[in-house]
Amino acid sequence: MINVQDVRLDPVDRRAWRGDQEITFSRKEFDLVHALAARAGDIVTRDELMRDVWHANFWTSSKTIDVHLGWVRRKLGDDTRRPHLITTIRGKGLRFETQ
């Protein structure tokens, strides 16, 4: 199990919860959340996410990350305009905040 703030992930069964509420993610959404939560507190670059989640090289558009990230934030109940769980670090990447 991975626990970050009030988010719990079960990577084996590919299940997720925020508090007591189970969240249903698509395969890629879960992979994205897992990649960020597994490194909570660290900045994960877009290149790393493209490689680890989409198994693509840097020539592939990273806009797909933005689309999936928007879906993930909405499902987690995070404010997409002022997110507190998964934040964008301008020019660096994304970070799953630890508090």
N, C-alpha and C. Protein backbone atom coordinates (compact mmCIF):
# COMPACT_ATOMS: atom_id res chain seq x y z
N MET A 1 0.84 -1.19 0.00
CA MET A 1 0.00 0.00 0.00
C MET A 1 0.88 1.25 0.00
N ILE A 2 0.40 2.25 -0.70
CA ILE A 2 1.05 3.56 -0.70
C ILE A 2 0.05 4.53 -0.09
N ASN A 3 0.47 5.25 0.94
CA ASN A 3 -0.37 6.23 1.61
C ASN A 3 0.28 7.60 1.52
N VAL A 4 -0.44 8.55 0.92
CA VAL A 4 0.04 9.92 0.83
C VAL A 4 -1.15 10.82 1.14
N GLN A 5 -0.98 11.67 2.13
CA GLN A 5 -2.08 12.47 2.65
C GLN A 5 -3.24 11.52 2.96
N ASP A 6 -4.42 11.78 2.40
CA ASP A 6 -5.55 10.88 2.65
C ASP A 6 -5.86 9.99 1.44
N VAL A 7 -4.83 9.80 0.60
CA VAL A 7 -4.96 8.96 -0.59
C VAL A 7 -4.23 7.64 -0.33
N ARG A 8 -4.91 6.54 -0.62
CA ARG A 8 -4.32 5.20 -0.48
C ARG A 8 -4.36 4.51 -1.83
N LEU A 9 -3.26 3.89 -2.18
CA LEU A 9 -3.18 3.12 -3.42
C LEU A 9 -2.76 1.69 -3.10
N ASP A 10 -3.44 0.76 -3.74
CA ASP A 10 -3.06 -0.64 -3.66
C ASP A 10 -2.56 -1.03 -5.05
N PRO A 11 -1.23 -1.01 -5.25
CA PRO A 11 -0.68 -1.28 -6.58
C PRO A 11 -0.92 -2.71 -7.06
N VAL A 12 -1.06 -3.66 -6.16
CA VAL A 12 -1.26 -5.05 -6.55
C VAL A 12 -2.66 -5.23 -7.16
N ASP A 13 -3.67 -4.73 -6.46
CA ASP A 13 -5.04 -4.87 -6.95
C ASP A 13 -5.50 -3.68 -7.79
N ARG A 14 -4.61 -2.68 -7.92
CA ARG A 14 -4.88 -1.48 -8.74
C ARG A 14 -6.16 -0.79 -8.26
N ARG A 15 -6.22 -0.55 -6.94
CA ARG A 15 -7.36 0.13 -6.35
C ARG A 15 -6.87 1.39 -5.65
N ALA A 16 -7.76 2.38 -5.55
CA ALA A 16 -7.39 3.65 -4.93
C ALA A 16 -8.55 4.19 -4.10
N TRP A 17 -8.20 4.91 -3.03
CA TRP A 17 -9.18 5.54 -2.16
C TRP A 17 -8.71 6.93 -1.79
N ARG A 18 -9.65 7.82 -1.62
CA ARG A 18 -9.38 9.11 -0.97
C ARG A 18 -10.27 9.11 0.25
N GLY A 19 -9.65 9.05 1.41
CA GLY A 19 -10.41 8.84 2.63
C GLY A 19 -11.07 7.47 2.56
N ASP A 20 -12.36 7.43 2.79
CA ASP A 20 -13.10 6.16 2.71
C ASP A 20 -13.73 5.92 1.35
N GLN A 21 -13.60 6.88 0.45
CA GLN A 21 -14.24 6.81 -0.87
C GLN A 21 -13.31 6.13 -1.88
N GLU A 22 -13.77 5.01 -2.44
CA GLU A 22 -12.97 4.35 -3.48
C GLU A 22 -13.09 5.13 -4.78
N ILE A 23 -11.99 5.24 -5.48
CA ILE A 23 -11.92 5.98 -6.74
C ILE A 23 -11.61 5.00 -7.86
N THR A 24 -12.34 5.11 -8.94
CA THR A 24 -12.11 4.26 -10.10
C THR A 24 -11.28 5.03 -11.11
N PHE A 25 -10.08 4.54 -11.39
CA PHE A 25 -9.20 5.13 -12.38
C PHE A 25 -9.09 4.21 -13.58
N SER A 26 -8.89 4.79 -14.76
CA SER A 26 -8.52 3.98 -15.92
C SER A 26 -7.10 3.46 -15.67
N ARG A 27 -6.65 2.57 -16.52
CA ARG A 27 -5.32 1.99 -16.37
C ARG A 27 -4.24 3.06 -16.37
N LYS A 28 -4.27 3.97 -17.33
CA LYS A 28 -3.24 5.02 -17.42
C LYS A 28 -3.36 6.02 -16.28
N GLU A 29 -4.59 6.34 -15.88
CA GLU A 29 -4.76 7.25 -14.75
C GLU A 29 -4.14 6.64 -13.49
N PHE A 30 -4.41 5.36 -13.25
CA PHE A 30 -3.83 4.70 -12.08
C PHE A 30 -2.31 4.69 -12.18
N ASP A 31 -1.79 4.37 -13.36
CA ASP A 31 -0.33 4.35 -13.53
C ASP A 31 0.28 5.72 -13.25
N LEU A 32 -0.41 6.78 -13.67
CA LEU A 32 0.08 8.14 -13.43
C LEU A 32 0.07 8.46 -11.94
N VAL A 33 -1.03 8.19 -11.27
CA VAL A 33 -1.11 8.44 -9.83
C VAL A 33 -0.07 7.61 -9.09
N HIS A 34 0.06 6.37 -9.48
CA HIS A 34 1.03 5.49 -8.82
C HIS A 34 2.46 6.01 -9.01
N ALA A 35 2.80 6.42 -10.22
CA ALA A 35 4.15 6.93 -10.50
C ALA A 35 4.46 8.15 -9.64
N LEU A 36 3.47 9.00 -9.43
CA LEU A 36 3.68 10.20 -8.61
C LEU A 36 3.65 9.89 -7.12
N ALA A 37 2.70 9.07 -6.68
CA ALA A 37 2.58 8.76 -5.26
C ALA A 37 3.77 7.94 -4.75
N ALA A 38 4.30 7.07 -5.60
CA ALA A 38 5.45 6.25 -5.20
C ALA A 38 6.67 7.12 -4.92
N ARG A 39 6.69 8.31 -5.49
CA ARG A 39 7.80 9.25 -5.27
C ARG A 39 7.30 10.54 -4.62
N ALA A 40 6.29 10.40 -3.77
CA ALA A 40 5.68 11.56 -3.11
C ALA A 40 6.74 12.47 -2.49
N GLY A 41 6.57 13.76 -2.72
CA GLY A 41 7.52 14.75 -2.21
C GLY A 41 8.62 15.09 -3.20
N ASP A 42 8.84 14.21 -4.18
CA ASP A 42 9.87 14.44 -5.19
C ASP A 42 9.23 14.99 -6.46
N ILE A 43 9.99 15.76 -7.21
CA ILE A 43 9.54 16.23 -8.51
C ILE A 43 9.79 15.12 -9.53
N VAL A 44 8.75 14.78 -10.28
CA VAL A 44 8.86 13.77 -11.33
C VAL A 44 8.72 14.52 -12.66
N THR A 45 9.72 14.39 -13.52
CA THR A 45 9.70 15.14 -14.78
C THR A 45 8.70 14.52 -15.76
N ARG A 46 8.32 15.32 -16.73
CA ARG A 46 7.41 14.83 -17.77
C ARG A 46 8.08 13.72 -18.58
N ASP A 47 9.38 13.85 -18.83
CA ASP A 47 10.09 12.80 -19.55
C ASP A 47 10.03 11.47 -18.79
N GLU A 48 10.20 11.54 -17.47
CA GLU A 48 10.12 10.32 -16.66
C GLU A 48 8.72 9.71 -16.73
N LEU A 49 7.69 10.55 -16.67
CA LEU A 49 6.32 10.05 -16.76
C LEU A 49 6.03 9.46 -18.12
N MET A 50 6.49 10.12 -19.18
CA MET A 50 6.28 9.57 -20.53
C MET A 50 6.96 8.21 -20.66
N ARG A 51 8.14 8.10 -20.10
CA ARG A 51 8.88 6.84 -20.18
C ARG A 51 8.24 5.76 -19.31
N ASP A 52 7.90 6.10 -18.08
CA ASP A 52 7.45 5.10 -17.12
C ASP A 52 5.97 4.74 -17.23
N VAL A 53 5.13 5.70 -17.62
CA VAL A 53 3.69 5.45 -17.69
C VAL A 53 3.25 5.12 -19.11
N TRP A 54 3.74 5.89 -20.07
CA TRP A 54 3.31 5.68 -21.45
C TRP A 54 4.33 4.88 -22.28
N HIS A 55 5.48 4.61 -21.69
CA HIS A 55 6.53 3.85 -22.36
C HIS A 55 6.87 4.47 -23.72
N ALA A 56 6.95 5.81 -23.69
CA ALA A 56 7.22 6.56 -24.92
C ALA A 56 8.47 7.40 -24.73
N ASN A 57 9.08 7.75 -25.84
CA ASN A 57 10.27 8.59 -25.76
C ASN A 57 9.87 10.06 -25.76
N PHE A 58 10.85 10.95 -25.66
CA PHE A 58 10.56 12.36 -25.52
C PHE A 58 9.99 13.00 -26.77
N TRP A 59 9.98 12.31 -27.91
CA TRP A 59 9.40 12.88 -29.13
C TRP A 59 7.88 12.83 -29.10
N THR A 60 7.33 12.01 -28.24
CA THR A 60 5.88 11.93 -28.12
C THR A 60 5.39 13.15 -27.34
N SER A 61 4.25 13.72 -27.73
CA SER A 61 3.71 14.91 -27.07
C SER A 61 3.37 14.60 -25.61
N SER A 62 3.76 15.51 -24.74
CA SER A 62 3.45 15.33 -23.32
C SER A 62 2.09 15.93 -22.96
N LYS A 63 1.35 16.43 -23.94
CA LYS A 63 0.01 16.97 -23.68
C LYS A 63 -0.91 15.89 -23.12
N THR A 64 -0.65 14.66 -23.45
CA THR A 64 -1.47 13.57 -22.91
C THR A 64 -1.35 13.52 -21.39
N ILE A 65 -0.21 13.92 -20.85
CA ILE A 65 -0.05 13.98 -19.39
C ILE A 65 -1.03 15.00 -18.82
N ASP A 66 -1.13 16.17 -19.45
CA ASP A 66 -2.03 17.22 -18.97
C ASP A 66 -3.47 16.75 -18.96
N VAL A 67 -3.88 16.05 -20.01
CA VAL A 67 -5.25 15.56 -20.11
C VAL A 67 -5.52 14.55 -19.00
N HIS A 68 -4.66 13.56 -18.86
CA HIS A 68 -4.85 12.54 -17.82
C HIS A 68 -4.75 13.16 -16.42
N LEU A 69 -3.85 14.10 -16.24
CA LEU A 69 -3.70 14.75 -14.95
C LEU A 69 -4.98 15.49 -14.56
N GLY A 70 -5.61 16.14 -15.53
CA GLY A 70 -6.88 16.82 -15.26
C GLY A 70 -7.94 15.84 -14.78
N TRP A 71 -8.04 14.69 -15.45
CA TRP A 71 -9.01 13.66 -15.04
C TRP A 71 -8.69 13.15 -13.64
N VAL A 72 -7.41 12.91 -13.37
CA VAL A 72 -6.99 12.40 -12.06
C VAL A 72 -7.33 13.41 -10.97
N ARG A 73 -7.00 14.67 -11.20
CA ARG A 73 -7.29 15.70 -10.19
C ARG A 73 -8.78 15.79 -9.90
N ARG A 74 -9.61 15.74 -10.94
CA ARG A 74 -11.06 15.80 -10.73
C ARG A 74 -11.55 14.59 -9.93
N LYS A 75 -11.07 13.41 -10.27
CA LYS A 75 -11.49 12.20 -9.56
C LYS A 75 -11.06 12.22 -8.10
N LEU A 76 -9.90 12.82 -7.83
CA LEU A 76 -9.41 12.93 -6.46
C LEU A 76 -10.09 14.07 -5.70
N GLY A 77 -10.88 14.89 -6.42
CA GLY A 77 -11.52 16.02 -5.77
C GLY A 77 -10.58 17.17 -5.52
N ASP A 78 -9.47 17.19 -6.24
CA ASP A 78 -8.47 18.26 -6.11
C ASP A 78 -8.89 19.42 -7.01
N ASP A 79 -8.70 20.63 -6.57
CA ASP A 79 -9.03 21.82 -7.34
C ASP A 79 -8.09 21.90 -8.54
N THR A 80 -8.64 21.82 -9.74
CA THR A 80 -7.79 21.80 -10.94
C THR A 80 -7.11 23.15 -11.17
N ARG A 81 -7.68 24.23 -10.61
CA ARG A 81 -7.06 25.56 -10.78
C ARG A 81 -6.01 25.84 -9.72
N ARG A 82 -6.22 25.28 -8.53
CA ARG A 82 -5.27 25.44 -7.42
C ARG A 82 -5.10 24.09 -6.73
N PRO A 83 -4.45 23.16 -7.40
CA PRO A 83 -4.33 21.81 -6.82
C PRO A 83 -3.46 21.79 -5.57
N HIS A 84 -3.84 20.91 -4.65
CA HIS A 84 -3.08 20.74 -3.41
C HIS A 84 -2.48 19.36 -3.29
N LEU A 85 -3.01 18.39 -4.03
CA LEU A 85 -2.48 17.03 -3.96
C LEU A 85 -1.33 16.84 -4.95
N ILE A 86 -1.62 17.07 -6.21
CA ILE A 86 -0.61 16.92 -7.25
C ILE A 86 -0.37 18.30 -7.85
N THR A 87 0.81 18.83 -7.61
CA THR A 87 1.11 20.19 -8.06
C THR A 87 2.08 20.18 -9.24
N THR A 88 1.95 21.22 -10.04
CA THR A 88 2.86 21.41 -11.16
C THR A 88 3.98 22.33 -10.71
N ILE A 89 5.20 21.89 -10.90
CA ILE A 89 6.37 22.70 -10.58
C ILE A 89 6.88 23.23 -11.92
N ARG A 90 6.58 24.48 -12.18
CA ARG A 90 6.86 25.09 -13.48
C ARG A 90 8.30 24.86 -13.93
N GLY A 91 8.42 24.34 -15.15
CA GLY A 91 9.73 24.10 -15.73
C GLY A 91 10.45 22.86 -15.21
N LYS A 92 9.84 22.16 -14.27
CA LYS A 92 10.49 20.99 -13.66
C LYS A 92 9.68 19.71 -13.84
N GLY A 93 8.39 19.72 -13.44
CA GLY A 93 7.59 18.52 -13.52
C GLY A 93 6.42 18.56 -12.57
N LEU A 94 6.06 17.42 -12.02
CA LEU A 94 4.92 17.29 -11.12
C LEU A 94 5.36 16.68 -9.79
N ARG A 95 4.61 17.02 -8.74
CA ARG A 95 4.94 16.47 -7.43
C ARG A 95 3.65 16.13 -6.70
N PHE A 96 3.59 14.92 -6.14
CA PHE A 96 2.50 14.53 -5.24
C PHE A 96 2.91 15.04 -3.87
N GLU A 97 2.17 16.02 -3.36
CA GLU A 97 2.53 16.68 -2.12
C GLU A 97 2.31 15.74 -0.93
N THR A 98 3.20 15.80 0.03
CA THR A 98 3.11 14.92 1.19
C THR A 98 2.26 15.51 2.31
N GLN A 99 1.96 16.81 2.25
CA GLN A 99 1.08 17.43 3.25
C GLN A 99 0.38 18.64 2.71
